[in-house]
Every structure is written in structure tokens, then in C-alpha cells.
C-alpha atoms as a PDB file:
ATOM      1  CA  UNK A   1     -60.797 -95.418-134.495  1.00  0.00           C
ATOM      2  CA  UNK A   2     -64.072 -96.677-135.887  1.00  0.00           C
ATOM      3  CA  UNK A   3     -63.784 -98.207-139.356  1.00  0.00           C
ATOM      4  CA  UNK A   4     -65.352 -96.296-142.196  1.00  0.00           C
ATOM      5  CA  UNK A   5     -68.983 -97.401-142.454  1.00  0.00           C
ATOM      6  CA  UNK A   6     -70.739 -99.085-145.315  1.00  0.00           C
ATOM      7  CA  UNK A   7     -72.806 -96.372-147.028  1.00  0.00           C
ATOM      8  CA  UNK A   8     -75.848 -98.603-146.958  1.00  0.00           C
ATOM      9  CA  UNK A   9     -75.923 -98.516-143.158  1.00  0.00           C
ATOM     10  CA  UNK A  10     -76.290 -94.741-143.349  1.00  0.00           C
ATOM     11  CA  UNK A  11     -78.907 -94.667-146.084  1.00  0.00           C
ATOM     12  CA  UNK A  12     -81.941 -95.833-144.158  1.00  0.00           C
ATOM     13  CA  UNK A  13     -82.302 -97.529-140.794  1.00  0.00           C
ATOM     14  CA  UNK A  14     -85.775 -98.980-140.891  1.00  0.00           C
ATOM     15  CA  UNK A  15     -88.894 -96.941-141.494  1.00  0.00           C
ATOM     16  CA  UNK A  16     -88.112 -94.561-138.638  1.00  0.00           C
ATOM     17  CA  UNK A  17     -84.916 -93.166-140.198  1.00  0.00           C
ATOM     18  CA  UNK A  18     -82.948 -93.329-136.964  1.00  0.00           C
ATOM     19  CA  UNK A  19     -79.504 -91.874-136.329  1.00  0.00           C
ATOM     20  CA  UNK A  20     -76.343 -93.978-136.397  1.00  0.00           C
ATOM     21  CA  UNK A  21     -73.657 -93.486-133.737  1.00  0.00           C
ATOM     22  CA  UNK A  22     -70.208 -93.903-135.229  1.00  0.00           C
ATOM     23  CA  UNK A  23     -67.991 -92.713-132.366  1.00  0.00           C
ATOM     24  CA  UNK A  24     -68.467 -92.438-128.644  1.00  0.00           C
ATOM     25  CA  UNK A  25     -66.103 -91.556-125.838  1.00  0.00           C
ATOM     26  CA  UNK A  26     -65.264 -88.749-123.437  1.00  0.00           C
ATOM     27  CA  UNK A  27     -65.563 -86.111-126.151  1.00  0.00           C
ATOM     28  CA  UNK A  28     -66.628 -82.552-125.381  1.00  0.00           C
ATOM     29  CA  UNK A  29     -68.173 -81.813-128.779  1.00  0.00           C
ATOM     30  CA  UNK A  30     -70.855 -83.695-130.693  1.00  0.00           C
ATOM     31  CA  UNK A  31     -71.123 -83.598-134.472  1.00  0.00           C
ATOM     32  CA  UNK A  32     -74.585 -84.248-135.896  1.00  0.00           C
ATOM     33  CA  UNK A  33     -73.869 -85.048-139.523  1.00  0.00           C
ATOM     34  CA  UNK A  34     -75.603 -86.098-142.680  1.00  0.00           C
ATOM     35  CA  UNK A  35     -74.799 -89.740-143.363  1.00  0.00           C
ATOM     36  CA  UNK A  36     -73.436 -88.710-146.751  1.00  0.00           C
ATOM     37  CA  UNK A  37     -70.486 -87.116-144.887  1.00  0.00           C
ATOM     38  CA  UNK A  38     -69.620 -90.065-142.652  1.00  0.00           C
ATOM     39  CA  UNK A  39     -66.559 -91.252-144.601  1.00  0.00           C
ATOM     40  CA  UNK A  40     -65.171 -87.744-144.822  1.00  0.00           C
ATOM     41  CA  UNK A  41     -65.741 -86.824-141.164  1.00  0.00           C
ATOM     42  CA  UNK A  42     -64.198 -90.052-139.886  1.00  0.00           C
ATOM     43  CA  UNK A  43     -61.221 -89.601-142.212  1.00  0.00           C
ATOM     44  CA  UNK A  44     -60.656 -86.054-140.927  1.00  0.00           C
ATOM     45  CA  UNK A  45     -60.970 -87.219-137.313  1.00  0.00           C
ATOM     46  CA  UNK A  46     -58.350 -89.885-137.943  1.00  0.00           C
ATOM     47  CA  UNK A  47     -55.918 -87.666-139.870  1.00  0.00           C
ATOM     48  CA  UNK A  48     -56.067 -84.786-137.397  1.00  0.00           C
ATOM     49  CA  UNK A  49     -56.395 -86.658-134.098  1.00  0.00           C
ATOM     50  CA  UNK A  50     -59.741 -85.026-133.344  1.00  0.00           C
ATOM     51  CA  UNK A  51     -60.556 -87.229-130.383  1.00  0.00           C
ATOM     52  CA  UNK A  52     -62.567 -84.456-128.728  1.00  0.00           C
ATOM     53  CA  UNK A  53     -65.277 -84.938-131.374  1.00  0.00           C
ATOM     54  CA  UNK A  54     -68.025 -87.543-131.213  1.00  0.00           C
ATOM     55  CA  UNK A  55     -70.077 -88.283-134.314  1.00  0.00           C
ATOM     56  CA  UNK A  56     -73.626 -89.359-134.952  1.00  0.00           C
ATOM     57  CA  UNK A  57     -75.080 -89.477-138.445  1.00  0.00           C
ATOM     58  CA  UNK A  58     -78.619 -89.041-139.655  1.00  0.00           C
ATOM     59  CA  UNK A  59     -79.612 -91.123-142.688  1.00  0.00           C
ATOM     60  CA  UNK A  60     -78.419 -89.680-145.971  1.00  0.00           C
ATOM     61  CA  UNK A  61     -81.754 -90.626-147.531  1.00  0.00           C
ATOM     62  CA  UNK A  62     -83.250 -87.601-145.751  1.00  0.00           C
ATOM     63  CA  UNK A  63     -81.942 -85.572-148.679  1.00  0.00           C
ATOM     64  CA  UNK A  64     -84.766 -87.024-150.731  1.00  0.00           C
ATOM     65  CA  UNK A  65     -87.229 -85.440-148.271  1.00  0.00           C
ATOM     66  CA  UNK A  66     -85.474 -82.233-147.118  1.00  0.00           C
ATOM     67  CA  UNK A  67     -88.596 -81.071-145.277  1.00  0.00           C
ATOM     68  CA  UNK A  68     -87.747 -83.750-142.662  1.00  0.00           C
ATOM     69  CA  UNK A  69     -84.141 -82.674-142.057  1.00  0.00           C
ATOM     70  CA  UNK A  70     -84.843 -79.847-139.608  1.00  0.00           C
ATOM     71  CA  UNK A  71     -87.016 -81.988-137.345  1.00  0.00           C
ATOM     72  CA  UNK A  72     -84.455 -84.807-137.398  1.00  0.00           C
ATOM     73  CA  UNK A  73     -81.601 -82.455-136.469  1.00  0.00           C
ATOM     74  CA  UNK A  74     -83.692 -80.843-133.718  1.00  0.00           C
ATOM     75  CA  UNK A  75     -84.539 -84.222-132.206  1.00  0.00           C
ATOM     76  CA  UNK A  76     -80.911 -85.346-132.246  1.00  0.00           C
ATOM     77  CA  UNK A  77     -79.640 -82.118-130.713  1.00  0.00           C
ATOM     78  CA  UNK A  78     -82.221 -82.160-127.937  1.00  0.00           C
ATOM     79  CA  UNK A  79     -81.563 -85.837-127.234  1.00  0.00           C
ATOM     80  CA  UNK A  80     -77.822 -85.371-126.733  1.00  0.00           C
ATOM     81  CA  UNK A  81     -77.267 -81.766-125.683  1.00  0.00           C
ATOM     82  CA  UNK A  82     -76.984 -82.454-121.943  1.00  0.00           C
ATOM     83  CA  UNK A  83     -73.917 -84.652-122.526  1.00  0.00           C
ATOM     84  CA  UNK A  84     -71.806 -82.203-124.538  1.00  0.00           C
ATOM     85  CA  UNK A  85     -70.368 -78.740-124.081  1.00  0.00           C
ATOM     86  CA  UNK A  86     -70.821 -77.989-127.796  1.00  0.00           C
ATOM     87  CA  UNK A  87     -72.840 -79.352-130.696  1.00  0.00           C
ATOM     88  CA  UNK A  88     -72.056 -78.709-134.364  1.00  0.00           C
ATOM     89  CA  UNK A  89     -74.463 -79.571-137.178  1.00  0.00           C
ATOM     90  CA  UNK A  90     -72.732 -80.851-140.308  1.00  0.00           C
ATOM     91  CA  UNK A  91     -75.420 -79.914-142.801  1.00  0.00           C
ATOM     92  CA  UNK A  92     -75.612 -77.006-145.189  1.00  0.00           C
ATOM     93  CA  UNK A  93     -79.090 -75.658-145.977  1.00  0.00           C
ATOM     94  CA  UNK A  94     -79.728 -78.817-148.008  1.00  0.00           C
ATOM     95  CA  UNK A  95     -83.086 -77.738-149.376  1.00  0.00           C
ATOM     96  CA  UNK A  96     -84.653 -76.708-146.063  1.00  0.00           C
ATOM     97  CA  UNK A  97     -85.292 -73.154-147.273  1.00  0.00           C
ATOM     98  CA  UNK A  98     -83.581 -71.547-144.289  1.00  0.00           C
ATOM     99  CA  UNK A  99     -85.530 -73.556-141.704  1.00  0.00           C
ATOM    100  CA  UNK A 100     -82.492 -75.530-140.572  1.00  0.00           C
ATOM    101  CA  UNK A 101     -80.438 -72.357-140.048  1.00  0.00           C
ATOM    102  CA  UNK A 102     -83.252 -70.810-138.037  1.00  0.00           C
ATOM    103  CA  UNK A 103     -83.545 -73.906-135.862  1.00  0.00           C
ATOM    104  CA  UNK A 104     -79.778 -74.062-135.311  1.00  0.00           C
ATOM    105  CA  UNK A 105     -79.864 -70.421-134.218  1.00  0.00           C
ATOM    106  CA  UNK A 106     -82.654 -71.226-131.791  1.00  0.00           C
ATOM    107  CA  UNK A 107     -80.732 -74.203-130.404  1.00  0.00           C
ATOM    108  CA  UNK A 108     -77.499 -72.210-130.202  1.00  0.00           C
ATOM    109  CA  UNK A 109     -75.519 -74.602-132.404  1.00  0.00           C
ATOM    110  CA  UNK A 110     -73.352 -73.971-135.481  1.00  0.00           C
ATOM    111  CA  UNK A 111     -73.947 -75.436-138.924  1.00  0.00           C
ATOM    112  CA  UNK A 112     -71.947 -75.565-142.141  1.00  0.00           C
ATOM    113  CA  UNK A 113     -72.067 -72.716-144.661  1.00  0.00           C
ATOM    114  CA  UNK A 114     -73.564 -72.878-148.126  1.00  0.00           C
ATOM    115  CA  UNK A 115     -76.624 -74.161-149.887  1.00  0.00           C
ATOM    116  CA  UNK A 116     -75.526 -77.807-149.960  1.00  0.00           C
ATOM    117  CA  UNK A 117     -72.502 -80.094-149.655  1.00  0.00           C
ATOM    118  CA  UNK A 118     -71.323 -79.316-153.193  1.00  0.00           C
ATOM    119  CA  UNK A 119     -70.722 -75.726-152.103  1.00  0.00           C
ATOM    120  CA  UNK A 120     -68.743 -76.427-148.945  1.00  0.00           C
ATOM    121  CA  UNK A 121     -66.624 -79.151-150.546  1.00  0.00           C
ATOM    122  CA  UNK A 122     -65.712 -76.808-153.403  1.00  0.00           C
ATOM    123  CA  UNK A 123     -65.456 -73.823-151.052  1.00  0.00           C
ATOM    124  CA  UNK A 124     -68.592 -71.681-150.797  1.00  0.00           C
ATOM    125  CA  UNK A 125     -67.108 -68.556-152.392  1.00  0.00           C
ATOM    126  CA  UNK A 126     -65.491 -70.486-155.254  1.00  0.00           C
ATOM    127  CA  UNK A 127     -68.637 -72.487-155.852  1.00  0.00           C
ATOM    128  CA  UNK A 128     -70.875 -69.435-156.021  1.00  0.00           C
ATOM    129  CA  UNK A 129     -68.420 -67.639-158.321  1.00  0.00           C
ATOM    130  CA  UNK A 130     -68.475 -70.503-160.825  1.00  0.00           C
ATOM    131  CA  UNK A 131     -72.206 -69.977-161.476  1.00  0.00           C
ATOM    132  CA  UNK A 132     -72.510 -73.388-163.149  1.00  0.00           C
ATOM    133  CA  UNK A 133     -76.244 -73.329-163.725  1.00  0.00           C
ATOM    134  CA  UNK A 134     -76.297 -76.298-166.098  1.00  0.00           C
ATOM    135  CA  UNK A 135     -74.045 -78.594-164.027  1.00  0.00           C
ATOM    136  CA  UNK A 136     -75.185 -81.692-162.172  1.00  0.00           C
ATOM    137  CA  UNK A 137     -72.877 -82.531-159.260  1.00  0.00           C
ATOM    138  CA  UNK A 138     -71.616 -85.710-157.679  1.00  0.00           C
ATOM    139  CA  UNK A 139     -69.471 -86.117-154.569  1.00  0.00           C
ATOM    140  CA  UNK A 140     -67.600 -89.282-153.544  1.00  0.00           C
ATOM    141  CA  UNK A 141     -70.707 -90.441-151.704  1.00  0.00           C
ATOM    142  CA  UNK A 142     -73.014 -89.824-154.660  1.00  0.00           C
ATOM    143  CA  UNK A 143     -70.586 -91.485-157.052  1.00  0.00           C
ATOM    144  CA  UNK A 144     -70.746 -94.595-154.875  1.00  0.00           C
ATOM    145  CA  UNK A 145     -74.507 -94.358-154.380  1.00  0.00           C
ATOM    146  CA  UNK A 146     -75.646 -93.019-157.766  1.00  0.00           C
ATOM    147  CA  UNK A 147     -78.256 -95.725-158.305  1.00  0.00           C
ATOM    148  CA  UNK A 148     -79.692 -95.534-154.777  1.00  0.00           C
ATOM    149  CA  UNK A 149     -79.865 -91.733-154.606  1.00  0.00           C
ATOM    150  CA  UNK A 150     -80.416 -90.628-158.198  1.00  0.00           C
ATOM    151  CA  UNK A 151     -81.286 -93.300-160.742  1.00  0.00           C
ATOM    152  CA  UNK A 152     -83.801 -95.354-158.759  1.00  0.00           C
ATOM    153  CA  UNK A 153     -85.578 -92.574-156.787  1.00  0.00           C
ATOM    154  CA  UNK A 154     -86.275 -90.777-160.073  1.00  0.00           C
ATOM    155  CA  UNK A 155     -87.659 -93.994-161.540  1.00  0.00           C
ATOM    156  CA  UNK A 156     -85.101 -94.060-164.350  1.00  0.00           C
ATOM    157  CA  UNK A 157     -84.463 -97.760-163.772  1.00  0.00           C
ATOM    158  CA  UNK A 158     -88.095 -98.384-164.736  1.00  0.00           C
ATOM    159  CA  UNK A 159     -88.769 -95.456-167.071  1.00  0.00           C
ATOM    160  CA  UNK A 160     -85.583 -94.384-168.877  1.00  0.00           C
ATOM    161  CA  UNK A 161     -87.794 -92.317-171.188  1.00  0.00           C
ATOM    162  CA  UNK A 162     -88.032 -89.792-168.308  1.00  0.00           C
ATOM    163  CA  UNK A 163     -84.342 -88.938-168.646  1.00  0.00           C
ATOM    164  CA  UNK A 164     -84.864 -85.864-170.901  1.00  0.00           C
ATOM    165  CA  UNK A 165     -87.486 -84.496-168.534  1.00  0.00           C
ATOM    166  CA  UNK A 166     -85.171 -84.669-165.505  1.00  0.00           C
ATOM    167  CA  UNK A 167     -81.818 -83.868-167.113  1.00  0.00           C
ATOM    168  CA  UNK A 168     -82.580 -82.111-170.374  1.00  0.00           C
ATOM    169  CA  UNK A 169     -81.514 -78.728-168.995  1.00  0.00           C
ATOM    170  CA  UNK A 170     -78.106 -80.001-167.786  1.00  0.00           C
ATOM    171  CA  UNK A 171     -75.056 -79.932-170.062  1.00  0.00           C
ATOM    172  CA  UNK A 172     -72.373 -81.585-167.927  1.00  0.00           C
ATOM    173  CA  UNK A 173     -71.741 -83.597-164.802  1.00  0.00           C
ATOM    174  CA  UNK A 174     -69.126 -82.261-162.381  1.00  0.00           C
ATOM    175  CA  UNK A 175     -67.584 -84.813-160.049  1.00  0.00           C
ATOM    176  CA  UNK A 176     -66.281 -83.015-156.944  1.00  0.00           C
ATOM    177  CA  UNK A 177     -63.768 -85.584-155.719  1.00  0.00           C
ATOM    178  CA  UNK A 178     -62.811 -85.708-152.062  1.00  0.00           C
ATOM    179  CA  UNK A 179     -60.225 -88.442-152.641  1.00  0.00           C
ATOM    180  CA  UNK A 180     -57.897 -89.666-155.386  1.00  0.00           C
ATOM    181  CA  UNK A 181     -59.791 -92.863-156.164  1.00  0.00           C
ATOM    182  CA  UNK A 182     -59.745 -94.157-159.758  1.00  0.00           C
ATOM    183  CA  UNK A 183     -62.654 -96.507-159.060  1.00  0.00           C
ATOM    184  CA  UNK A 184     -64.882 -93.632-157.929  1.00  0.00           C
ATOM    185  CA  UNK A 185     -63.808 -91.551-160.902  1.00  0.00           C
ATOM    186  CA  UNK A 186     -64.841 -94.418-163.170  1.00  0.00           C
ATOM    187  CA  UNK A 187     -68.235 -94.612-161.432  1.00  0.00           C
ATOM    188  CA  UNK A 188     -68.756 -90.873-161.822  1.00  0.00           C
ATOM    189  CA  UNK A 189     -67.791 -91.005-165.497  1.00  0.00           C
ATOM    190  CA  UNK A 190     -70.213 -93.888-166.023  1.00  0.00           C
ATOM    191  CA  UNK A 191     -72.973 -91.828-164.367  1.00  0.00           C
ATOM    192  CA  UNK A 192     -72.266 -88.965-166.766  1.00  0.00           C
ATOM    193  CA  UNK A 193     -72.473 -91.355-169.716  1.00  0.00           C
ATOM    194  CA  UNK A 194     -75.800 -92.746-168.481  1.00  0.00           C
ATOM    195  CA  UNK A 195     -77.182 -89.223-168.150  1.00  0.00           C
ATOM    196  CA  UNK A 196     -75.820 -88.166-171.517  1.00  0.00           C
ATOM    197  CA  UNK A 197     -73.733 -85.352-169.999  1.00  0.00           C
ATOM    198  CA  UNK A 198     -70.176 -84.149-170.518  1.00  0.00           C
ATOM    199  CA  UNK A 199     -67.885 -85.213-167.688  1.00  0.00           C
ATOM    200  CA  UNK A 200     -65.631 -82.989-165.563  1.00  0.00           C
ATOM    201  CA  UNK A 201     -63.654 -84.088-162.527  1.00  0.00           C
ATOM    202  CA  UNK A 202     -62.625 -81.445-159.995  1.00  0.00           C
ATOM    203  CA  UNK A 203     -60.534 -82.478-157.006  1.00  0.00           C
ATOM    204  CA  UNK A 204     -61.701 -80.544-153.940  1.00  0.00           C
ATOM    205  CA  UNK A 205     -60.442 -82.570-151.009  1.00  0.00           C
ATOM    206  CA  UNK A 206     -62.532 -81.884-147.932  1.00  0.00           C
ATOM    207  CA  UNK A 207     -62.937 -78.157-148.543  1.00  0.00           C
ATOM    208  CA  UNK A 208     -64.734 -76.118-145.898  1.00  0.00           C
ATOM    209  CA  UNK A 209     -65.594 -79.311-144.002  1.00  0.00           C
ATOM    210  CA  UNK A 210     -61.934 -79.676-143.030  1.00  0.00           C
ATOM    211  CA  UNK A 211     -61.787 -76.023-141.999  1.00  0.00           C
ATOM    212  CA  UNK A 212     -64.867 -76.380-139.814  1.00  0.00           C
ATOM    213  CA  UNK A 213     -63.645 -79.523-138.039  1.00  0.00           C
ATOM    214  CA  UNK A 214     -60.087 -78.354-137.397  1.00  0.00           C
ATOM    215  CA  UNK A 215     -60.992 -74.827-136.240  1.00  0.00           C
ATOM    216  CA  UNK A 216     -60.194 -74.370-132.570  1.00  0.00           C
ATOM    217  CA  UNK A 217     -63.300 -73.813-130.418  1.00  0.00           C
ATOM    218  CA  UNK A 218     -63.757 -70.270-129.180  1.00  0.00           C
END
């Protein structure tokens, strides 16, 4: 089994934002995943013996420009579809405004439910029922990559005075933990302190991602 990747390798691969192949074999199904899910997908493959699944990841940094996600998924699906009986897209809507779902329908491939990864890790129905309008969320990936995906892109490393403008309407940070990792919990708590938000940790495990990967193909 492929070792879990360094997050940085899945953040950005040159200016072209190319995909990263993490597994390859005689699999019948291809997973096209957001790089932010690489650790979780590889862990689920290992734990459940899902050798029929191959995985390629698109750079997680695409989340900072969600208008590019649909085109990137389309290109990956068209590039690989002749080699696989099935393709599954491991993205939620992720800020595409329904465009990704429409493209997946056109391509005849499945995608994950929910508005974003916070929802499917927590469980889409549970997440929507919580109605936490003033919560800012972190996952394991975002706890590890808080500076690269939140602090620096918003310019808070250079202009901390912008903090109230970006986060003034939030009251607490919710860390949706996929694993029992004290080091990641400490990073998430530190992020909450830096943002001036109350901290809550909620263990979710792999949520609907596990359900999607372990469901038997029809």
C-alpha cells in the first residue's frame, strides 16, 4: 500500500495544478479525489482492503479557486475513463454552485453528497440539522495546513488587522476530527486561539466518506 502522502505534495504541483496519482494497479474503479482527502481515502483503502479502487488526487489548493474545480474534474475523468469500469468523484459541491454536480451527471459518474467536506465527514443530515451558522470548521487536513490554506491566503500573516473583517461574524471554531490525534487537536486549538474563537472538538471519523467507499457497486 502506498504510504500516506505529505500534504504539501497535494497542495500545488507547479503552476498547472496537475493531478497526483497515489495508487495504480488492476483496479476496476477510479477515485478522483480532492487532495485534502488523500490521507483519509488511503487509510480507508488500507483498513478495508479496497484493492479494486485506484486513486488520483487533484490539488487541494483548488478550494481557493472553486470555479476551477469542475474543469479539473472533467479533464481527469475524460483522461482516464477508458481504463476503468467506474469512476467516482470524491468532492462535495465545494463552492461550485451546482456546476460540479451537473458535470458529473453529464459524465455519468457519482460524487459525494453535501455542500462541502465538513458536511460529509459529520454526516450530511446531522450537519444540516446543527445549523451552526457562526461556526468555522477545520478537518484533520485543515488543522495540519491552517497556515497554508487559511492564514496566509487571507493575508493575515501580513495584515493581522484584517482578522475582525474575516472572522468577526464567527463565534467558535469546530474541529471535525477524523482521527484521535492529540497533536492535531493541539493545532486546531491553537488555530481557534489565533482567530479569537471558542474551541469545540467533534470526533466524526470518516463519516459518509467511509460509507461511499465501502458501498458495494451496483
